[in-house]
Amino acid sequence: MTVMTVAGGDVEFATYGAHDGEPVVVHHGLFGSTGFDPGWEKITNDAGCTVLTVARPGYGRSTRAR
């Protein structure tokens, strides 16, 4: 997982799969963070895509929205 600061708040994100593959942004929409089942690494590698997941504000290491 990686954290970067955007507009004064921290945003946690992670990438899975082929890092030179077709980008796919995934947001699960429920409670939680950027963690995915370990099986996703193989699935995304086999598909040749790079999956980017982002933690909602207040979850994982993303700071709570003001």
PDB file of N, CA and C in Angstrom:
ATOM      1  N   MET A   1       0.836  -1.168   0.000  1.00  0.00           N
ATOM      2  CA  MET A   1       0.000   0.000   0.000  1.00  0.00           C
ATOM      3  C   MET A   1       0.891   1.246   0.000  1.00  0.00           C
ATOM      4  N   THR A   2       0.406   2.264  -0.634  1.00  0.00           N
ATOM      5  CA  THR A   2       1.123   3.521  -0.736  1.00  0.00           C
ATOM      6  C   THR A   2       0.196   4.637  -0.285  1.00  0.00           C
ATOM      7  N   VAL A   3       0.745   5.665   0.310  1.00  0.00           N
ATOM      8  CA  VAL A   3      -0.036   6.825   0.732  1.00  0.00           C
ATOM      9  C   VAL A   3       0.556   8.057   0.079  1.00  0.00           C
ATOM     10  N   MET A   4      -0.321   8.911  -0.481  1.00  0.00           N
ATOM     11  CA  MET A   4       0.132  10.192  -1.002  1.00  0.00           C
ATOM     12  C   MET A   4      -0.793  11.276  -0.476  1.00  0.00           C
ATOM     13  N   THR A   5      -0.286  12.498  -0.402  1.00  0.00           N
ATOM     14  CA  THR A   5      -1.079  13.610   0.110  1.00  0.00           C
ATOM     15  C   THR A   5      -1.700  14.368  -1.064  1.00  0.00           C
ATOM     16  N   VAL A   6      -3.015  14.557  -0.964  1.00  0.00           N
ATOM     17  CA  VAL A   6      -3.770  15.267  -1.996  1.00  0.00           C
ATOM     18  C   VAL A   6      -4.656  16.287  -1.296  1.00  0.00           C
ATOM     19  N   ALA A   7      -4.557  17.540  -1.660  1.00  0.00           N
ATOM     20  CA  ALA A   7      -5.387  18.613  -1.112  1.00  0.00           C
ATOM     21  C   ALA A   7      -5.401  18.595   0.415  1.00  0.00           C
ATOM     22  N   GLY A   8      -4.227  18.336   1.025  1.00  0.00           N
ATOM     23  CA  GLY A   8      -4.108  18.389   2.469  1.00  0.00           C
ATOM     24  C   GLY A   8      -4.503  17.126   3.210  1.00  0.00           C
ATOM     25  N   GLY A   9      -4.923  16.091   2.515  1.00  0.00           N
ATOM     26  CA  GLY A   9      -5.277  14.833   3.168  1.00  0.00           C
ATOM     27  C   GLY A   9      -4.520  13.676   2.557  1.00  0.00           C
ATOM     28  N   ASP A  10      -4.376  12.598   3.325  1.00  0.00           N
ATOM     29  CA  ASP A  10      -3.690  11.407   2.828  1.00  0.00           C
ATOM     30  C   ASP A  10      -4.663  10.461   2.142  1.00  0.00           C
ATOM     31  N   VAL A  11      -4.231   9.884   1.036  1.00  0.00           N
ATOM     32  CA  VAL A  11      -5.027   8.913   0.289  1.00  0.00           C
ATOM     33  C   VAL A  11      -4.194   7.638   0.149  1.00  0.00           C
ATOM     34  N   GLU A  12      -4.745   6.513   0.645  1.00  0.00           N
ATOM     35  CA  GLU A  12      -4.061   5.234   0.505  1.00  0.00           C
ATOM     36  C   GLU A  12      -4.501   4.575  -0.796  1.00  0.00           C
ATOM     37  N   PHE A  13      -3.531   4.011  -1.522  1.00  0.00           N
ATOM     38  CA  PHE A  13      -3.874   3.271  -2.729  1.00  0.00           C
ATOM     39  C   PHE A  13      -2.918   2.100  -2.883  1.00  0.00           C
ATOM     40  N   ALA A  14      -3.310   1.146  -3.700  1.00  0.00           N
ATOM     41  CA  ALA A  14      -2.473  -0.027  -3.964  1.00  0.00           C
ATOM     42  C   ALA A  14      -2.670  -0.432  -5.414  1.00  0.00           C
ATOM     43  N   THR A  15      -1.656  -1.069  -5.975  1.00  0.00           N
ATOM     44  CA  THR A  15      -1.767  -1.620  -7.329  1.00  0.00           C
ATOM     45  C   THR A  15      -1.532  -3.120  -7.264  1.00  0.00           C
ATOM     46  N   TYR A  16      -2.211  -3.820  -8.126  1.00  0.00           N
ATOM     47  CA  TYR A  16      -2.104  -5.274  -8.233  1.00  0.00           C
ATOM     48  C   TYR A  16      -1.947  -5.633  -9.697  1.00  0.00           C
ATOM     49  N   GLY A  17      -1.296  -6.740  -9.963  1.00  0.00           N
ATOM     50  CA  GLY A  17      -1.234  -7.271 -11.318  1.00  0.00           C
ATOM     51  C   GLY A  17      -0.036  -6.803 -12.105  1.00  0.00           C
ATOM     52  N   ALA A  18      -0.187  -6.874 -13.427  1.00  0.00           N
ATOM     53  CA  ALA A  18       0.877  -6.526 -14.371  1.00  0.00           C
ATOM     54  C   ALA A  18       1.056  -5.013 -14.366  1.00  0.00           C
ATOM     55  N   HIS A  19       2.163  -4.532 -13.825  1.00  0.00           N
ATOM     56  CA  HIS A  19       2.347  -3.090 -13.656  1.00  0.00           C
ATOM     57  C   HIS A  19       2.528  -2.339 -14.968  1.00  0.00           C
ATOM     58  N   ASP A  20       2.673  -3.044 -16.066  1.00  0.00           N
ATOM     59  CA  ASP A  20       2.729  -2.388 -17.369  1.00  0.00           C
ATOM     60  C   ASP A  20       1.482  -2.707 -18.180  1.00  0.00           C
ATOM     61  N   GLY A  21       0.454  -3.224 -17.521  1.00  0.00           N
ATOM     62  CA  GLY A  21      -0.763  -3.636 -18.212  1.00  0.00           C
ATOM     63  C   GLY A  21      -1.789  -2.529 -18.362  1.00  0.00           C
ATOM     64  N   GLU A  22      -2.913  -2.886 -18.944  1.00  0.00           N
ATOM     65  CA  GLU A  22      -4.041  -1.966 -19.130  1.00  0.00           C
ATOM     66  C   GLU A  22      -4.555  -1.551 -17.751  1.00  0.00           C
ATOM     67  N   PRO A  23      -4.678  -0.245 -17.470  1.00  0.00           N
ATOM     68  CA  PRO A  23      -5.108   0.184 -16.138  1.00  0.00           C
ATOM     69  C   PRO A  23      -6.608  -0.026 -15.910  1.00  0.00           C
ATOM     70  N   VAL A  24      -6.931  -0.494 -14.709  1.00  0.00           N
ATOM     71  CA  VAL A  24      -8.319  -0.685 -14.284  1.00  0.00           C
ATOM     72  C   VAL A  24      -8.431  -0.118 -12.873  1.00  0.00           C
ATOM     73  N   VAL A  25      -9.364   0.815 -12.658  1.00  0.00           N
ATOM     74  CA  VAL A  25      -9.580   1.390 -11.330  1.00  0.00           C
ATOM     75  C   VAL A  25     -10.745   0.647 -10.687  1.00  0.00           C
ATOM     76  N   VAL A  26     -10.522   0.149  -9.460  1.00  0.00           N
ATOM     77  CA  VAL A  26     -11.547  -0.611  -8.742  1.00  0.00           C
ATOM     78  C   VAL A  26     -11.828   0.086  -7.418  1.00  0.00           C
ATOM     79  N   HIS A  27     -13.111   0.331  -7.173  1.00  0.00           N
ATOM     80  CA  HIS A  27     -13.528   0.840  -5.868  1.00  0.00           C
ATOM     81  C   HIS A  27     -14.683  -0.022  -5.414  1.00  0.00           C
ATOM     82  N   HIS A  28     -14.474  -0.730  -4.304  1.00  0.00           N
ATOM     83  CA  HIS A  28     -15.472  -1.696  -3.856  1.00  0.00           C
ATOM     84  C   HIS A  28     -16.735  -1.043  -3.337  1.00  0.00           C
ATOM     85  N   GLY A  29     -16.693   0.226  -2.946  1.00  0.00           N
ATOM     86  CA  GLY A  29     -17.896   0.957  -2.569  1.00  0.00           C
ATOM     87  C   GLY A  29     -18.424   0.679  -1.174  1.00  0.00           C
ATOM     88  N   LEU A  30     -17.817  -0.230  -0.464  1.00  0.00           N
ATOM     89  CA  LEU A  30     -18.265  -0.531   0.890  1.00  0.00           C
ATOM     90  C   LEU A  30     -17.162  -0.191   1.879  1.00  0.00           C
ATOM     91  N   PHE A  31     -17.354  -0.611   3.114  1.00  0.00           N
ATOM     92  CA  PHE A  31     -16.350  -0.371   4.145  1.00  0.00           C
ATOM     93  C   PHE A  31     -15.080  -1.127   3.812  1.00  0.00           C
ATOM     94  N   GLY A  32     -13.976  -0.594   4.224  1.00  0.00           N
ATOM     95  CA  GLY A  32     -12.727  -1.297   3.995  1.00  0.00           C
ATOM     96  C   GLY A  32     -11.661  -0.400   3.430  1.00  0.00           C
ATOM     97  N   SER A  33     -10.657  -1.040   2.909  1.00  0.00           N
ATOM     98  CA  SER A  33      -9.473  -0.330   2.474  1.00  0.00           C
ATOM     99  C   SER A  33      -9.066  -0.838   1.098  1.00  0.00           C
ATOM    100  N   THR A  34      -7.763  -0.866   0.839  1.00  0.00           N
ATOM    101  CA  THR A  34      -7.265  -1.243  -0.478  1.00  0.00           C
ATOM    102  C   THR A  34      -6.946  -2.726  -0.592  1.00  0.00           C
ATOM    103  N   GLY A  35      -7.049  -3.462   0.492  1.00  0.00           N
ATOM    104  CA  GLY A  35      -6.672  -4.873   0.488  1.00  0.00           C
ATOM    105  C   GLY A  35      -7.619  -5.737  -0.324  1.00  0.00           C
ATOM    106  N   PHE A  36      -7.053  -6.608  -1.134  1.00  0.00           N
ATOM    107  CA  PHE A  36      -7.825  -7.563  -1.915  1.00  0.00           C
ATOM    108  C   PHE A  36      -7.349  -8.957  -1.563  1.00  0.00           C
ATOM    109  N   ASP A  37      -8.170  -9.923  -1.839  1.00  0.00           N
ATOM    110  CA  ASP A  37      -7.797 -11.320  -1.651  1.00  0.00           C
ATOM    111  C   ASP A  37      -6.522 -11.591  -2.444  1.00  0.00           C
ATOM    112  N   PRO A  38      -5.575 -12.355  -1.889  1.00  0.00           N
ATOM    113  CA  PRO A  38      -4.312 -12.633  -2.598  1.00  0.00           C
ATOM    114  C   PRO A  38      -4.514 -13.261  -3.980  1.00  0.00           C
ATOM    115  N   GLY A  39      -5.619 -13.929  -4.214  1.00  0.00           N
ATOM    116  CA  GLY A  39      -5.896 -14.525  -5.519  1.00  0.00           C
ATOM    117  C   GLY A  39      -6.027 -13.503  -6.640  1.00  0.00           C
ATOM    118  N   TRP A  40      -6.349 -12.255  -6.286  1.00  0.00           N
ATOM    119  CA  TRP A  40      -6.487 -11.213  -7.298  1.00  0.00           C
ATOM    120  C   TRP A  40      -5.172 -10.925  -8.014  1.00  0.00           C
ATOM    121  N   GLU A  41      -4.059 -11.112  -7.332  1.00  0.00           N
ATOM    122  CA  GLU A  41      -2.757 -10.852  -7.964  1.00  0.00           C
ATOM    123  C   GLU A  41      -2.578 -11.752  -9.187  1.00  0.00           C
ATOM    124  N   LYS A  42      -2.884 -13.035  -9.051  1.00  0.00           N
ATOM    125  CA  LYS A  42      -2.757 -13.967 -10.174  1.00  0.00           C
ATOM    126  C   LYS A  42      -3.779 -13.642 -11.264  1.00  0.00           C
ATOM    127  N   ILE A  43      -5.007 -13.370 -10.870  1.00  0.00           N
ATOM    128  CA  ILE A  43      -6.066 -13.065 -11.849  1.00  0.00           C
ATOM    129  C   ILE A  43      -5.692 -11.843 -12.683  1.00  0.00           C
ATOM    130  N   THR A  44      -5.237 -10.785 -12.032  1.00  0.00           N
ATOM    131  CA  THR A  44      -4.905  -9.561 -12.766  1.00  0.00           C
ATOM    132  C   THR A  44      -3.644  -9.733 -13.612  1.00  0.00           C
ATOM    133  N   ASN A  45      -2.669 -10.493 -13.104  1.00  0.00           N
ATOM    134  CA  ASN A  45      -1.486 -10.789 -13.919  1.00  0.00           C
ATOM    135  C   ASN A  45      -1.863 -11.579 -15.162  1.00  0.00           C
ATOM    136  N   ASP A  46      -2.687 -12.614 -14.986  1.00  0.00           N
ATOM    137  CA  ASP A  46      -3.115 -13.436 -16.121  1.00  0.00           C
ATOM    138  C   ASP A  46      -3.905 -12.625 -17.144  1.00  0.00           C
ATOM    139  N   ALA A  47      -4.664 -11.645 -16.663  1.00  0.00           N
ATOM    140  CA  ALA A  47      -5.462 -10.801 -17.557  1.00  0.00           C
ATOM    141  C   ALA A  47      -4.624  -9.704 -18.206  1.00  0.00           C
ATOM    142  N   GLY A  48      -3.398  -9.502 -17.706  1.00  0.00           N
ATOM    143  CA  GLY A  48      -2.528  -8.475 -18.280  1.00  0.00           C
ATOM    144  C   GLY A  48      -2.962  -7.071 -17.945  1.00  0.00           C
ATOM    145  N   CYS A  49      -3.578  -6.893 -16.784  1.00  0.00           N
ATOM    146  CA  CYS A  49      -4.018  -5.550 -16.411  1.00  0.00           C
ATOM    147  C   CYS A  49      -3.400  -5.123 -15.085  1.00  0.00           C
ATOM    148  N   THR A  50      -3.395  -3.831 -14.865  1.00  0.00           N
ATOM    149  CA  THR A  50      -2.941  -3.233 -13.618  1.00  0.00           C
ATOM    150  C   THR A  50      -4.171  -2.699 -12.904  1.00  0.00           C
ATOM    151  N   VAL A  51      -4.450  -3.214 -11.722  1.00  0.00           N
ATOM    152  CA  VAL A  51      -5.607  -2.768 -10.949  1.00  0.00           C
ATOM    153  C   VAL A  51      -5.132  -1.773  -9.902  1.00  0.00           C
ATOM    154  N   LEU A  52      -5.801  -0.625  -9.843  1.00  0.00           N
ATOM    155  CA  LEU A  52      -5.542   0.404  -8.849  1.00  0.00           C
ATOM    156  C   LEU A  52      -6.742   0.457  -7.913  1.00  0.00           C
ATOM    157  N   THR A  53      -6.500   0.280  -6.613  1.00  0.00           N
ATOM    158  CA  THR A  53      -7.568   0.398  -5.621  1.00  0.00           C
ATOM    159  C   THR A  53      -7.277   1.591  -4.731  1.00  0.00           C
ATOM    160  N   VAL A  54      -8.333   2.256  -4.271  1.00  0.00           N
ATOM    161  CA  VAL A  54      -8.207   3.456  -3.452  1.00  0.00           C
ATOM    162  C   VAL A  54      -9.054   3.283  -2.196  1.00  0.00           C
ATOM    163  N   ALA A  55      -8.501   3.661  -1.043  1.00  0.00           N
ATOM    164  CA  ALA A  55      -9.246   3.599   0.215  1.00  0.00           C
ATOM    165  C   ALA A  55     -10.089   4.860   0.385  1.00  0.00           C
ATOM    166  N   ARG A  56     -11.334   4.672   0.774  1.00  0.00           N
ATOM    167  CA  ARG A  56     -12.225   5.806   1.035  1.00  0.00           C
ATOM    168  C   ARG A  56     -11.685   6.649   2.182  1.00  0.00           C
ATOM    169  N   PRO A  57     -12.082   7.930   2.251  1.00  0.00           N
ATOM    170  CA  PRO A  57     -11.665   8.771   3.376  1.00  0.00           C
ATOM    171  C   PRO A  57     -12.076   8.145   4.709  1.00  0.00           C
ATOM    172  N   GLY A  58     -11.112   8.086   5.637  1.00  0.00           N
ATOM    173  CA  GLY A  58     -11.380   7.521   6.948  1.00  0.00           C
ATOM    174  C   GLY A  58     -11.152   6.036   7.060  1.00  0.00           C
ATOM    175  N   TYR A  59     -10.804   5.371   5.959  1.00  0.00           N
ATOM    176  CA  TYR A  59     -10.542   3.939   5.960  1.00  0.00           C
ATOM    177  C   TYR A  59      -9.088   3.698   5.599  1.00  0.00           C
ATOM    178  N   GLY A  60      -8.553   2.564   6.081  1.00  0.00           N
ATOM    179  CA  GLY A  60      -7.152   2.271   5.826  1.00  0.00           C
ATOM    180  C   GLY A  60      -6.296   3.403   6.353  1.00  0.00           C
ATOM    181  N   ARG A  61      -5.377   3.865   5.533  1.00  0.00           N
ATOM    182  CA  ARG A  61      -4.509   4.977   5.928  1.00  0.00           C
ATOM    183  C   ARG A  61      -4.936   6.293   5.263  1.00  0.00           C
ATOM    184  N   SER A  62      -6.114   6.317   4.665  1.00  0.00           N
ATOM    185  CA  SER A  62      -6.655   7.577   4.135  1.00  0.00           C
ATOM    186  C   SER A  62      -7.236   8.383   5.299  1.00  0.00           C
ATOM    187  N   THR A  63      -6.951   9.688   5.294  1.00  0.00           N
ATOM    188  CA  THR A  63      -7.465  10.525   6.386  1.00  0.00           C
ATOM    189  C   THR A  63      -8.950  10.762   6.202  1.00  0.00           C
ATOM    190  N   ARG A  64      -9.610  10.988   7.333  1.00  0.00           N
ATOM    191  CA  ARG A  64     -11.055  11.245   7.341  1.00  0.00           C
ATOM    192  C   ARG A  64     -11.353  12.556   6.614  1.00  0.00           C
ATOM    193  N   ALA A  65     -12.449  12.572   5.862  1.00  0.00           N
ATOM    194  CA  ALA A  65     -12.867  13.793   5.164  1.00  0.00           C
ATOM    195  C   ALA A  65     -13.294  14.847   6.198  1.00  0.00           C
ATOM    196  N   ARG A  66     -13.033  16.075   5.868  1.00  0.00           N
ATOM    197  CA  ARG A  66     -13.416  17.166   6.787  1.00  0.00           C
ATOM    198  C   ARG A  66     -14.798  17.651   6.524  1.00  0.00           C
TER     199      ARG A  66
END
